[in-house]
Amino acid sequence: MTESDLRNTLGSNVKKHRLIKGFSQAKLAEMLDLSPNFISEIETGKRWLSSDTLVNLAEALNVETYEFLLPQQVATNDIAAFIQTYTEKAAKVASEAVISSLDTLRKQYIN
C-alpha cells in the first residue's frame, strides 16, 4: 500500500463515519476547530494529518483510530447505523432489500 493509498483509505473512512453521524464537513470542522476545507482535503486524500488530529477525529466520530486505516468494507454495524439515520419507511425498504438479497443467496447456494 502506497502513502497515497493510505491517505485515500483514511479519507474515505473519515467521510463514511462523518456521514453515518450525520455531520456536514462544516459541522465536523467546527467541532475540531479546523477549517471545512481541511476536512475536505483529508476526505479526498489530498492532505495528511497529525496524530493529534487523527485522535480528535476518532473521538468526534466515536470510532477507534485504527478504523480509519481499514480498507473499505460493508460491516453489519455500518448497515445498522445507516438504517438508523433514515426514516422508518426508508428503514423498511432497506430491510426488505436485505431480506430479498439473503433469500436470493440462499436459493443460489443452499438449494
PDB file of N, CA and C in Angstrom:
ATOM      1  N   MET A   1       0.852  -1.172   0.000  1.00  0.00           N
ATOM      2  CA  MET A   1       0.000   0.000   0.000  1.00  0.00           C
ATOM      3  C   MET A   1       0.899   1.237   0.000  1.00  0.00           C
ATOM      4  N   THR A   2       0.636   2.139  -0.931  1.00  0.00           N
ATOM      5  CA  THR A   2       1.416   3.370  -1.011  1.00  0.00           C
ATOM      6  C   THR A   2       0.873   4.405  -0.022  1.00  0.00           C
ATOM      7  N   GLU A   3       1.634   5.465   0.162  1.00  0.00           N
ATOM      8  CA  GLU A   3       1.169   6.547   1.033  1.00  0.00           C
ATOM      9  C   GLU A   3      -0.123   7.153   0.484  1.00  0.00           C
ATOM     10  N   SER A   4      -0.197   7.281  -0.825  1.00  0.00           N
ATOM     11  CA  SER A   4      -1.411   7.815  -1.451  1.00  0.00           C
ATOM     12  C   SER A   4      -2.612   6.910  -1.165  1.00  0.00           C
ATOM     13  N   ASP A   5      -2.404   5.593  -1.269  1.00  0.00           N
ATOM     14  CA  ASP A   5      -3.476   4.640  -0.955  1.00  0.00           C
ATOM     15  C   ASP A   5      -3.920   4.787   0.494  1.00  0.00           C
ATOM     16  N   LEU A   6      -2.956   4.953   1.372  1.00  0.00           N
ATOM     17  CA  LEU A   6      -3.256   5.097   2.798  1.00  0.00           C
ATOM     18  C   LEU A   6      -4.052   6.381   3.066  1.00  0.00           C
ATOM     19  N   ARG A   7      -3.643   7.481   2.430  1.00  0.00           N
ATOM     20  CA  ARG A   7      -4.386   8.740   2.584  1.00  0.00           C
ATOM     21  C   ARG A   7      -5.807   8.599   2.055  1.00  0.00           C
ATOM     22  N   ASN A   8      -5.953   7.921   0.915  1.00  0.00           N
ATOM     23  CA  ASN A   8      -7.289   7.732   0.334  1.00  0.00           C
ATOM     24  C   ASN A   8      -8.160   6.837   1.210  1.00  0.00           C
ATOM     25  N   THR A   9      -7.579   5.789   1.769  1.00  0.00           N
ATOM     26  CA  THR A   9      -8.325   4.905   2.665  1.00  0.00           C
ATOM     27  C   THR A   9      -8.764   5.670   3.905  1.00  0.00           C
ATOM     28  N   LEU A  10      -7.833   6.399   4.498  1.00  0.00           N
ATOM     29  CA  LEU A  10      -8.150   7.192   5.675  1.00  0.00           C
ATOM     30  C   LEU A  10      -9.259   8.194   5.349  1.00  0.00           C
ATOM     31  N   GLY A  11      -9.128   8.896   4.236  1.00  0.00           N
ATOM     32  CA  GLY A  11     -10.119   9.899   3.850  1.00  0.00           C
ATOM     33  C   GLY A  11     -11.495   9.311   3.615  1.00  0.00           C
ATOM     34  N   SER A  12     -11.542   8.175   2.930  1.00  0.00           N
ATOM     35  CA  SER A  12     -12.831   7.513   2.685  1.00  0.00           C
ATOM     36  C   SER A  12     -13.498   7.098   3.984  1.00  0.00           C
ATOM     37  N   ASN A  13     -12.696   6.609   4.911  1.00  0.00           N
ATOM     38  CA  ASN A  13     -13.255   6.185   6.199  1.00  0.00           C
ATOM     39  C   ASN A  13     -13.709   7.366   7.053  1.00  0.00           C
ATOM     40  N   VAL A  14     -12.961   8.455   7.012  1.00  0.00           N
ATOM     41  CA  VAL A  14     -13.398   9.655   7.735  1.00  0.00           C
ATOM     42  C   VAL A  14     -14.746  10.099   7.180  1.00  0.00           C
ATOM     43  N   LYS A  15     -14.858  10.154   5.869  1.00  0.00           N
ATOM     44  CA  LYS A  15     -16.115  10.578   5.241  1.00  0.00           C
ATOM     45  C   LYS A  15     -17.250   9.628   5.604  1.00  0.00           C
ATOM     46  N   LYS A  16     -16.989   8.320   5.530  1.00  0.00           N
ATOM     47  CA  LYS A  16     -18.020   7.335   5.849  1.00  0.00           C
ATOM     48  C   LYS A  16     -18.540   7.537   7.265  1.00  0.00           C
ATOM     49  N   HIS A  17     -17.648   7.661   8.217  1.00  0.00           N
ATOM     50  CA  HIS A  17     -18.068   7.815   9.617  1.00  0.00           C
ATOM     51  C   HIS A  17     -18.716   9.180   9.868  1.00  0.00           C
ATOM     52  N   ARG A  18     -18.262  10.196   9.155  1.00  0.00           N
ATOM     53  CA  ARG A  18     -18.889  11.517   9.282  1.00  0.00           C
ATOM     54  C   ARG A  18     -20.334  11.466   8.794  1.00  0.00           C
ATOM     55  N   LEU A  19     -20.553  10.811   7.664  1.00  0.00           N
ATOM     56  CA  LEU A  19     -21.902  10.715   7.117  1.00  0.00           C
ATOM     57  C   LEU A  19     -22.804   9.854   7.997  1.00  0.00           C
ATOM     58  N   ILE A  20     -22.253   8.786   8.550  1.00  0.00           N
ATOM     59  CA  ILE A  20     -23.040   7.944   9.463  1.00  0.00           C
ATOM     60  C   ILE A  20     -23.528   8.772  10.648  1.00  0.00           C
ATOM     61  N   LYS A  21     -22.673   9.655  11.142  1.00  0.00           N
ATOM     62  CA  LYS A  21     -23.050  10.516  12.269  1.00  0.00           C
ATOM     63  C   LYS A  21     -23.983  11.646  11.837  1.00  0.00           C
ATOM     64  N   GLY A  22     -24.110  11.851  10.524  1.00  0.00           N
ATOM     65  CA  GLY A  22     -24.974  12.921  10.038  1.00  0.00           C
ATOM     66  C   GLY A  22     -24.347  14.303  10.121  1.00  0.00           C
ATOM     67  N   PHE A  23     -23.020  14.359  10.171  1.00  0.00           N
ATOM     68  CA  PHE A  23     -22.318  15.636  10.267  1.00  0.00           C
ATOM     69  C   PHE A  23     -21.940  16.133   8.871  1.00  0.00           C
ATOM     70  N   SER A  24     -22.066  17.432   8.665  1.00  0.00           N
ATOM     71  CA  SER A  24     -21.502  18.047   7.461  1.00  0.00           C
ATOM     72  C   SER A  24     -20.003  18.237   7.707  1.00  0.00           C
ATOM     73  N   GLN A  25     -19.274  18.527   6.634  1.00  0.00           N
ATOM     74  CA  GLN A  25     -17.857  18.832   6.810  1.00  0.00           C
ATOM     75  C   GLN A  25     -17.702  20.060   7.697  1.00  0.00           C
ATOM     76  N   ALA A  26     -18.584  21.030   7.513  1.00  0.00           N
ATOM     77  CA  ALA A  26     -18.510  22.261   8.312  1.00  0.00           C
ATOM     78  C   ALA A  26     -18.746  21.966   9.792  1.00  0.00           C
ATOM     79  N   LYS A  27     -19.712  21.111  10.096  1.00  0.00           N
ATOM     80  CA  LYS A  27     -20.008  20.779  11.498  1.00  0.00           C
ATOM     81  C   LYS A  27     -18.818  20.053  12.130  1.00  0.00           C
ATOM     82  N   LEU A  28     -18.264  19.064  11.427  1.00  0.00           N
ATOM     83  CA  LEU A  28     -17.114  18.333  11.960  1.00  0.00           C
ATOM     84  C   LEU A  28     -15.927  19.277  12.142  1.00  0.00           C
ATOM     85  N   ALA A  29     -15.702  20.140  11.172  1.00  0.00           N
ATOM     86  CA  ALA A  29     -14.598  21.111  11.268  1.00  0.00           C
ATOM     87  C   ALA A  29     -14.773  22.007  12.482  1.00  0.00           C
ATOM     88  N   GLU A  30     -15.999  22.456  12.709  1.00  0.00           N
ATOM     89  CA  GLU A  30     -16.286  23.313  13.858  1.00  0.00           C
ATOM     90  C   GLU A  30     -16.012  22.573  15.171  1.00  0.00           C
ATOM     91  N   MET A  31     -16.405  21.314  15.240  1.00  0.00           N
ATOM     92  CA  MET A  31     -16.192  20.518  16.451  1.00  0.00           C
ATOM     93  C   MET A  31     -14.703  20.375  16.771  1.00  0.00           C
ATOM     94  N   LEU A  32     -13.876  20.342  15.716  1.00  0.00           N
ATOM     95  CA  LEU A  32     -12.442  20.093  15.882  1.00  0.00           C
ATOM     96  C   LEU A  32     -11.603  21.361  15.772  1.00  0.00           C
ATOM     97  N   ASP A  33     -12.264  22.497  15.586  1.00  0.00           N
ATOM     98  CA  ASP A  33     -11.570  23.769  15.401  1.00  0.00           C
ATOM     99  C   ASP A  33     -10.619  23.706  14.205  1.00  0.00           C
ATOM    100  N   LEU A  34     -11.149  23.156  13.103  1.00  0.00           N
ATOM    101  CA  LEU A  34     -10.411  23.073  11.844  1.00  0.00           C
ATOM    102  C   LEU A  34     -11.243  23.772  10.772  1.00  0.00           C
ATOM    103  N   SER A  35     -10.681  23.948   9.601  1.00  0.00           N
ATOM    104  CA  SER A  35     -11.449  24.534   8.510  1.00  0.00           C
ATOM    105  C   SER A  35     -12.188  23.426   7.743  1.00  0.00           C
ATOM    106  N   PRO A  36     -13.363  23.744   7.194  1.00  0.00           N
ATOM    107  CA  PRO A  36     -14.065  22.754   6.366  1.00  0.00           C
ATOM    108  C   PRO A  36     -13.212  22.306   5.177  1.00  0.00           C
ATOM    109  N   ASN A  37     -12.400  23.207   4.650  1.00  0.00           N
ATOM    110  CA  ASN A  37     -11.523  22.859   3.540  1.00  0.00           C
ATOM    111  C   ASN A  37     -10.509  21.790   3.949  1.00  0.00           C
ATOM    112  N   PHE A  38     -10.009  21.880   5.172  1.00  0.00           N
ATOM    113  CA  PHE A  38      -9.062  20.874   5.673  1.00  0.00           C
ATOM    114  C   PHE A  38      -9.743  19.511   5.753  1.00  0.00           C
ATOM    115  N   ILE A  39     -10.985  19.463   6.251  1.00  0.00           N
ATOM    116  CA  ILE A  39     -11.730  18.201   6.314  1.00  0.00           C
ATOM    117  C   ILE A  39     -11.921  17.643   4.906  1.00  0.00           C
ATOM    118  N   SER A  40     -12.273  18.507   3.966  1.00  0.00           N
ATOM    119  CA  SER A  40     -12.445  18.087   2.576  1.00  0.00           C
ATOM    120  C   SER A  40     -11.153  17.496   2.010  1.00  0.00           C
ATOM    121  N   GLU A  41     -10.041  18.148   2.283  1.00  0.00           N
ATOM    122  CA  GLU A  41      -8.758  17.657   1.775  1.00  0.00           C
ATOM    123  C   GLU A  41      -8.353  16.334   2.419  1.00  0.00           C
ATOM    124  N   ILE A  42      -8.709  16.126   3.676  1.00  0.00           N
ATOM    125  CA  ILE A  42      -8.458  14.830   4.317  1.00  0.00           C
ATOM    126  C   ILE A  42      -9.303  13.757   3.630  1.00  0.00           C
ATOM    127  N   GLU A  43     -10.593  14.055   3.456  1.00  0.00           N
ATOM    128  CA  GLU A  43     -11.515  13.074   2.883  1.00  0.00           C
ATOM    129  C   GLU A  43     -11.177  12.705   1.441  1.00  0.00           C
ATOM    130  N   THR A  44     -10.568  13.617   0.712  1.00  0.00           N
ATOM    131  CA  THR A  44     -10.202  13.333  -0.684  1.00  0.00           C
ATOM    132  C   THR A  44      -8.762  12.839  -0.822  1.00  0.00           C
ATOM    133  N   GLY A  45      -8.075  12.656   0.297  1.00  0.00           N
ATOM    134  CA  GLY A  45      -6.718  12.127   0.262  1.00  0.00           C
ATOM    135  C   GLY A  45      -5.668  13.129  -0.162  1.00  0.00           C
ATOM    136  N   LYS A  46      -6.013  14.398  -0.175  1.00  0.00           N
ATOM    137  CA  LYS A  46      -5.059  15.428  -0.602  1.00  0.00           C
ATOM    138  C   LYS A  46      -4.151  15.906   0.524  1.00  0.00           C
ATOM    139  N   ARG A  47      -4.591  15.717   1.775  1.00  0.00           N
ATOM    140  CA  ARG A  47      -3.804  16.176   2.923  1.00  0.00           C
ATOM    141  C   ARG A  47      -3.608  15.046   3.904  1.00  0.00           C
ATOM    142  N   TRP A  48      -2.489  15.078   4.562  1.00  0.00           N
ATOM    143  CA  TRP A  48      -2.194  14.171   5.660  1.00  0.00           C
ATOM    144  C   TRP A  48      -2.555  14.918   6.937  1.00  0.00           C
ATOM    145  N   LEU A  49      -2.586  14.251   8.057  1.00  0.00           N
ATOM    146  CA  LEU A  49      -2.940  14.918   9.294  1.00  0.00           C
ATOM    147  C   LEU A  49      -2.044  14.441  10.415  1.00  0.00           C
ATOM    148  N   SER A  50      -2.001  15.219  11.475  1.00  0.00           N
ATOM    149  CA  SER A  50      -1.170  14.856  12.622  1.00  0.00           C
ATOM    150  C   SER A  50      -1.845  13.748  13.417  1.00  0.00           C
ATOM    151  N   SER A  51      -1.061  13.109  14.256  1.00  0.00           N
ATOM    152  CA  SER A  51      -1.630  12.060  15.114  1.00  0.00           C
ATOM    153  C   SER A  51      -2.653  12.658  16.077  1.00  0.00           C
ATOM    154  N   ASP A  52      -2.420  13.881  16.537  1.00  0.00           N
ATOM    155  CA  ASP A  52      -3.398  14.540  17.421  1.00  0.00           C
ATOM    156  C   ASP A  52      -4.726  14.748  16.710  1.00  0.00           C
ATOM    157  N   THR A  53      -4.670  15.193  15.459  1.00  0.00           N
ATOM    158  CA  THR A  53      -5.899  15.405  14.695  1.00  0.00           C
ATOM    159  C   THR A  53      -6.600  14.077  14.439  1.00  0.00           C
ATOM    160  N   LEU A  54      -5.839  13.033  14.176  1.00  0.00           N
ATOM    161  CA  LEU A  54      -6.417  11.699  13.973  1.00  0.00           C
ATOM    162  C   LEU A  54      -7.176  11.249  15.224  1.00  0.00           C
ATOM    163  N   VAL A  55      -6.569  11.414  16.373  1.00  0.00           N
ATOM    164  CA  VAL A  55      -7.211  11.044  17.639  1.00  0.00           C
ATOM    165  C   VAL A  55      -8.463  11.892  17.872  1.00  0.00           C
ATOM    166  N   ASN A  56      -8.378  13.185  17.605  1.00  0.00           N
ATOM    167  CA  ASN A  56      -9.531  14.070  17.787  1.00  0.00           C
ATOM    168  C   ASN A  56     -10.679  13.705  16.835  1.00  0.00           C
ATOM    169  N   LEU A  57     -10.344  13.358  15.595  1.00  0.00           N
ATOM    170  CA  LEU A  57     -11.360  12.912  14.640  1.00  0.00           C
ATOM    171  C   LEU A  57     -12.067  11.651  15.156  1.00  0.00           C
ATOM    172  N   ALA A  58     -11.270  10.702  15.634  1.00  0.00           N
ATOM    173  CA  ALA A  58     -11.843   9.453  16.141  1.00  0.00           C
ATOM    174  C   ALA A  58     -12.784   9.721  17.312  1.00  0.00           C
ATOM    175  N   GLU A  59     -12.375  10.595  18.206  1.00  0.00           N
ATOM    176  CA  GLU A  59     -13.230  10.926  19.351  1.00  0.00           C
ATOM    177  C   GLU A  59     -14.513  11.615  18.898  1.00  0.00           C
ATOM    178  N   ALA A  60     -14.406  12.551  17.970  1.00  0.00           N
ATOM    179  CA  ALA A  60     -15.587  13.284  17.487  1.00  0.00           C
ATOM    180  C   ALA A  60     -16.574  12.357  16.778  1.00  0.00           C
ATOM    181  N   LEU A  61     -16.039  11.346  16.087  1.00  0.00           N
ATOM    182  CA  LEU A  61     -16.897  10.432  15.334  1.00  0.00           C
ATOM    183  C   LEU A  61     -17.203   9.144  16.105  1.00  0.00           C
ATOM    184  N   ASN A  62     -16.667   9.053  17.320  1.00  0.00           N
ATOM    185  CA  ASN A  62     -16.921   7.910  18.204  1.00  0.00           C
ATOM    186  C   ASN A  62     -16.493   6.579  17.581  1.00  0.00           C
ATOM    187  N   VAL A  63     -15.284   6.569  17.033  1.00  0.00           N
ATOM    188  CA  VAL A  63     -14.698   5.348  16.472  1.00  0.00           C
ATOM    189  C   VAL A  63     -13.270   5.209  17.000  1.00  0.00           C
ATOM    190  N   GLU A  64     -12.710   4.034  16.838  1.00  0.00           N
ATOM    191  CA  GLU A  64     -11.307   3.801  17.196  1.00  0.00           C
ATOM    192  C   GLU A  64     -10.427   4.321  16.058  1.00  0.00           C
ATOM    193  N   THR A  65      -9.277   4.857  16.385  1.00  0.00           N
ATOM    194  CA  THR A  65      -8.415   5.446  15.358  1.00  0.00           C
ATOM    195  C   THR A  65      -8.031   4.439  14.272  1.00  0.00           C
ATOM    196  N   TYR A  66      -7.809   3.196  14.645  1.00  0.00           N
ATOM    197  CA  TYR A  66      -7.394   2.199  13.650  1.00  0.00           C
ATOM    198  C   TYR A  66      -8.464   1.973  12.581  1.00  0.00           C
ATOM    199  N   GLU A  67      -9.733   2.255  12.900  1.00  0.00           N
ATOM    200  CA  GLU A  67     -10.811   2.039  11.932  1.00  0.00           C
ATOM    201  C   GLU A  67     -10.657   2.924  10.697  1.00  0.00           C
ATOM    202  N   PHE A  68      -9.982   4.054  10.844  1.00  0.00           N
ATOM    203  CA  PHE A  68      -9.758   4.927   9.699  1.00  0.00           C
ATOM    204  C   PHE A  68      -8.782   4.319   8.693  1.00  0.00           C
ATOM    205  N   LEU A  69      -7.997   3.359   9.125  1.00  0.00           N
ATOM    206  CA  LEU A  69      -6.965   2.783   8.256  1.00  0.00           C
ATOM    207  C   LEU A  69      -7.362   1.443   7.654  1.00  0.00           C
ATOM    208  N   LEU A  70      -8.545   0.960   7.989  1.00  0.00           N
ATOM    209  CA  LEU A  70      -9.012  -0.311   7.452  1.00  0.00           C
ATOM    210  C   LEU A  70      -9.562  -0.124   6.041  1.00  0.00           C
ATOM    211  N   PRO A  71      -9.300  -1.078   5.154  1.00  0.00           N
ATOM    212  CA  PRO A  71      -9.892  -0.986   3.814  1.00  0.00           C
ATOM    213  C   PRO A  71     -11.415  -0.936   3.915  1.00  0.00           C
ATOM    214  N   GLN A  72     -12.035  -0.243   2.973  1.00  0.00           N
ATOM    215  CA  GLN A  72     -13.495  -0.121   2.980  1.00  0.00           C
ATOM    216  C   GLN A  72     -14.145  -1.490   2.809  1.00  0.00           C
ATOM    217  N   GLN A  73     -15.116  -1.740   3.658  1.00  0.00           N
ATOM    218  CA  GLN A  73     -15.927  -2.938   3.546  1.00  0.00           C
ATOM    219  C   GLN A  73     -17.248  -2.674   4.255  1.00  0.00           C
ATOM    220  N   VAL A  74     -18.259  -3.398   3.849  1.00  0.00           N
ATOM    221  CA  VAL A  74     -19.561  -3.222   4.480  1.00  0.00           C
ATOM    222  C   VAL A  74     -19.631  -4.126   5.690  1.00  0.00           C
ATOM    223  N   ALA A  75     -19.846  -3.543   6.837  1.00  0.00           N
ATOM    224  CA  ALA A  75     -19.956  -4.294   8.078  1.00  0.00           C
ATOM    225  C   ALA A  75     -21.377  -4.175   8.601  1.00  0.00           C
ATOM    226  N   THR A  76     -21.793  -5.148   9.386  1.00  0.00           N
ATOM    227  CA  THR A  76     -23.148  -5.162   9.916  1.00  0.00           C
ATOM    228  C   THR A  76     -23.455  -3.900  10.696  1.00  0.00           C
ATOM    229  N   ASN A  77     -22.516  -3.448  11.515  1.00  0.00           N
ATOM    230  CA  ASN A  77     -22.795  -2.246  12.310  1.00  0.00           C
ATOM    231  C   ASN A  77     -22.877  -1.001  11.438  1.00  0.00           C
ATOM    232  N   ASP A  78     -22.188  -0.980  10.284  1.00  0.00           N
ATOM    233  CA  ASP A  78     -22.317   0.133   9.354  1.00  0.00           C
ATOM    234  C   ASP A  78     -23.726   0.181   8.782  1.00  0.00           C
ATOM    235  N   ILE A  79     -24.266  -0.973   8.429  1.00  0.00           N
ATOM    236  CA  ILE A  79     -25.618  -1.044   7.877  1.00  0.00           C
ATOM    237  C   ILE A  79     -26.627  -0.585   8.923  1.00  0.00           C
ATOM    238  N   ALA A  80     -26.469  -1.040  10.149  1.00  0.00           N
ATOM    239  CA  ALA A  80     -27.388  -0.646  11.221  1.00  0.00           C
ATOM    240  C   ALA A  80     -27.335   0.862  11.445  1.00  0.00           C
ATOM    241  N   ALA A  81     -26.152   1.448  11.449  1.00  0.00           N
ATOM    242  CA  ALA A  81     -26.013   2.884  11.648  1.00  0.00           C
ATOM    243  C   ALA A  81     -26.668   3.650  10.496  1.00  0.00           C
ATOM    244  N   PHE A  82     -26.491   3.148   9.299  1.00  0.00           N
ATOM    245  CA  PHE A  82     -27.104   3.774   8.132  1.00  0.00           C
ATOM    246  C   PHE A  82     -28.626   3.750   8.234  1.00  0.00           C
ATOM    247  N   ILE A  83     -29.177   2.612   8.580  1.00  0.00           N
ATOM    248  CA  ILE A  83     -30.629   2.472   8.685  1.00  0.00           C
ATOM    249  C   ILE A  83     -31.194   3.376   9.767  1.00  0.00           C
ATOM    250  N   GLN A  84     -30.513   3.492  10.891  1.00  0.00           N
ATOM    251  CA  GLN A  84     -30.986   4.353  11.976  1.00  0.00           C
ATOM    252  C   GLN A  84     -31.040   5.814  11.569  1.00  0.00           C
ATOM    253  N   THR A  85     -30.215   6.193  10.604  1.00  0.00           N
ATOM    254  CA  THR A  85     -30.134   7.576  10.178  1.00  0.00           C
ATOM    255  C   THR A  85     -31.375   8.018   9.391  1.00  0.00           C
ATOM    256  N   TYR A  86     -32.040   7.090   8.785  1.00  0.00           N
ATOM    257  CA  TYR A  86     -33.140   7.431   7.897  1.00  0.00           C
ATOM    258  C   TYR A  86     -34.514   7.135   8.490  1.00  0.00           C
ATOM    259  N   THR A  87     -35.529   7.556   7.791  1.00  0.00           N
ATOM    260  CA  THR A  87     -36.901   7.421   8.276  1.00  0.00           C
ATOM    261  C   THR A  87     -37.311   5.967   8.393  1.00  0.00           C
ATOM    262  N   GLU A  88     -38.423   5.766   9.078  1.00  0.00           N
ATOM    263  CA  GLU A  88     -38.959   4.408   9.253  1.00  0.00           C
ATOM    264  C   GLU A  88     -39.244   3.767   7.896  1.00  0.00           C
ATOM    265  N   LYS A  89     -39.779   4.536   6.967  1.00  0.00           N
ATOM    266  CA  LYS A  89     -40.082   3.998   5.636  1.00  0.00           C
ATOM    267  C   LYS A  89     -38.810   3.555   4.917  1.00  0.00           C
ATOM    268  N   ALA A  90     -37.790   4.377   4.967  1.00  0.00           N
ATOM    269  CA  ALA A  90     -36.530   4.026   4.323  1.00  0.00           C
ATOM    270  C   ALA A  90     -35.919   2.794   4.984  1.00  0.00           C
ATOM    271  N   ALA A  91     -36.037   2.709   6.295  1.00  0.00           N
ATOM    272  CA  ALA A  91     -35.524   1.538   7.012  1.00  0.00           C
ATOM    273  C   ALA A  91     -36.261   0.275   6.573  1.00  0.00           C
ATOM    274  N   LYS A  92     -37.578   0.393   6.386  1.00  0.00           N
ATOM    275  CA  LYS A  92     -38.363  -0.760   5.951  1.00  0.00           C
ATOM    276  C   LYS A  92     -37.927  -1.201   4.557  1.00  0.00           C
ATOM    277  N   VAL A  93     -37.735  -0.242   3.650  1.00  0.00           N
ATOM    278  CA  VAL A  93     -37.293  -0.558   2.286  1.00  0.00           C
ATOM    279  C   VAL A  93     -35.917  -1.216   2.313  1.00  0.00           C
ATOM    280  N   ALA A  94     -35.001  -0.671   3.101  1.00  0.00           N
ATOM    281  CA  ALA A  94     -33.658  -1.246   3.206  1.00  0.00           C
ATOM    282  C   ALA A  94     -33.717  -2.650   3.781  1.00  0.00           C
ATOM    283  N   SER A  95     -34.547  -2.851   4.792  1.00  0.00           N
ATOM    284  CA  SER A  95     -34.691  -4.169   5.409  1.00  0.00           C
ATOM    285  C   SER A  95     -35.223  -5.183   4.402  1.00  0.00           C
ATOM    286  N   GLU A  96     -36.224  -4.773   3.639  1.00  0.00           N
ATOM    287  CA  GLU A  96     -36.792  -5.672   2.630  1.00  0.00           C
ATOM    288  C   GLU A  96     -35.756  -6.028   1.567  1.00  0.00           C
ATOM    289  N   ALA A  97     -34.925  -5.069   1.195  1.00  0.00           N
ATOM    290  CA  ALA A  97     -33.882  -5.331   0.199  1.00  0.00           C
ATOM    291  C   ALA A  97     -32.858  -6.321   0.727  1.00  0.00           C
ATOM    292  N   VAL A  98     -32.478  -6.183   1.992  1.00  0.00           N
ATOM    293  CA  VAL A  98     -31.518  -7.112   2.602  1.00  0.00           C
ATOM    294  C   VAL A  98     -32.126  -8.512   2.667  1.00  0.00           C
ATOM    295  N   ILE A  99     -33.374  -8.610   3.088  1.00  0.00           N
ATOM    296  CA  ILE A  99     -34.048  -9.912   3.182  1.00  0.00           C
ATOM    297  C   ILE A  99     -34.148 -10.552   1.806  1.00  0.00           C
ATOM    298  N   SER A 100     -34.509  -9.761   0.813  1.00  0.00           N
ATOM    299  CA  SER A 100     -34.600 -10.271  -0.549  1.00  0.00           C
ATOM    300  C   SER A 100     -33.244 -10.776  -1.042  1.00  0.00           C
ATOM    301  N   SER A 101     -32.192 -10.016  -0.752  1.00  0.00           N
ATOM    302  CA  SER A 101     -30.840 -10.430  -1.158  1.00  0.00           C
ATOM    303  C   SER A 101     -30.433 -11.724  -0.469  1.00  0.00           C
ATOM    304  N   LEU A 102     -30.727 -11.830   0.820  1.00  0.00           N
ATOM    305  CA  LEU A 102     -30.395 -13.050   1.556  1.00  0.00           C
ATOM    306  C   LEU A 102     -31.177 -14.241   1.014  1.00  0.00           C
ATOM    307  N   ASP A 103     -32.447 -14.037   0.683  1.00  0.00           N
ATOM    308  CA  ASP A 103     -33.251 -15.113   0.098  1.00  0.00           C
ATOM    309  C   ASP A 103     -32.659 -15.578  -1.225  1.00  0.00           C
ATOM    310  N   THR A 104     -32.232 -14.620  -2.043  1.00  0.00           N
ATOM    311  CA  THR A 104     -31.620 -14.957  -3.327  1.00  0.00           C
ATOM    312  C   THR A 104     -30.339 -15.769  -3.122  1.00  0.00           C
ATOM    313  N   LEU A 105     -29.517 -15.347  -2.184  1.00  0.00           N
ATOM    314  CA  LEU A 105     -28.274 -16.074  -1.900  1.00  0.00           C
ATOM    315  C   LEU A 105     -28.564 -17.471  -1.383  1.00  0.00           C
ATOM    316  N   ARG A 106     -29.540 -17.592  -0.513  1.00  0.00           N
ATOM    317  CA  ARG A 106     -29.908 -18.927  -0.009  1.00  0.00           C
ATOM    318  C   ARG A 106     -30.329 -19.844  -1.148  1.00  0.00           C
ATOM    319  N   LYS A 107     -31.154 -19.342  -2.049  1.00  0.00           N
ATOM    320  CA  LYS A 107     -31.636 -20.145  -3.189  1.00  0.00           C
ATOM    321  C   LYS A 107     -30.500 -20.576  -4.070  1.00  0.00           C
ATOM    322  N   GLN A 108     -29.510 -19.670  -4.290  1.00  0.00           N
ATOM    323  CA  GLN A 108     -28.392 -19.980  -5.176  1.00  0.00           C
ATOM    324  C   GLN A 108     -27.399 -20.959  -4.562  1.00  0.00           C
ATOM    325  N   TYR A 109     -27.162 -20.823  -3.266  1.00  0.00           N
ATOM    326  CA  TYR A 109     -26.066 -21.586  -2.676  1.00  0.00           C
ATOM    327  C   TYR A 109     -26.483 -22.700  -1.724  1.00  0.00           C
ATOM    328  N   ILE A 110     -27.727 -22.672  -1.266  1.00  0.00           N
ATOM    329  CA  ILE A 110     -28.142 -23.705  -0.330  1.00  0.00           C
ATOM    330  C   ILE A 110     -29.007 -24.750  -1.003  1.00  0.00           C
ATOM    331  N   ASN A 111     -29.825 -24.350  -1.923  1.00  0.00           N
ATOM    332  CA  ASN A 111     -30.730 -25.311  -2.594  1.00  0.00           C
ATOM    333  C   ASN A 111     -30.093 -25.925  -3.796  1.00  0.00           C
TER     334      ASN A 111
END
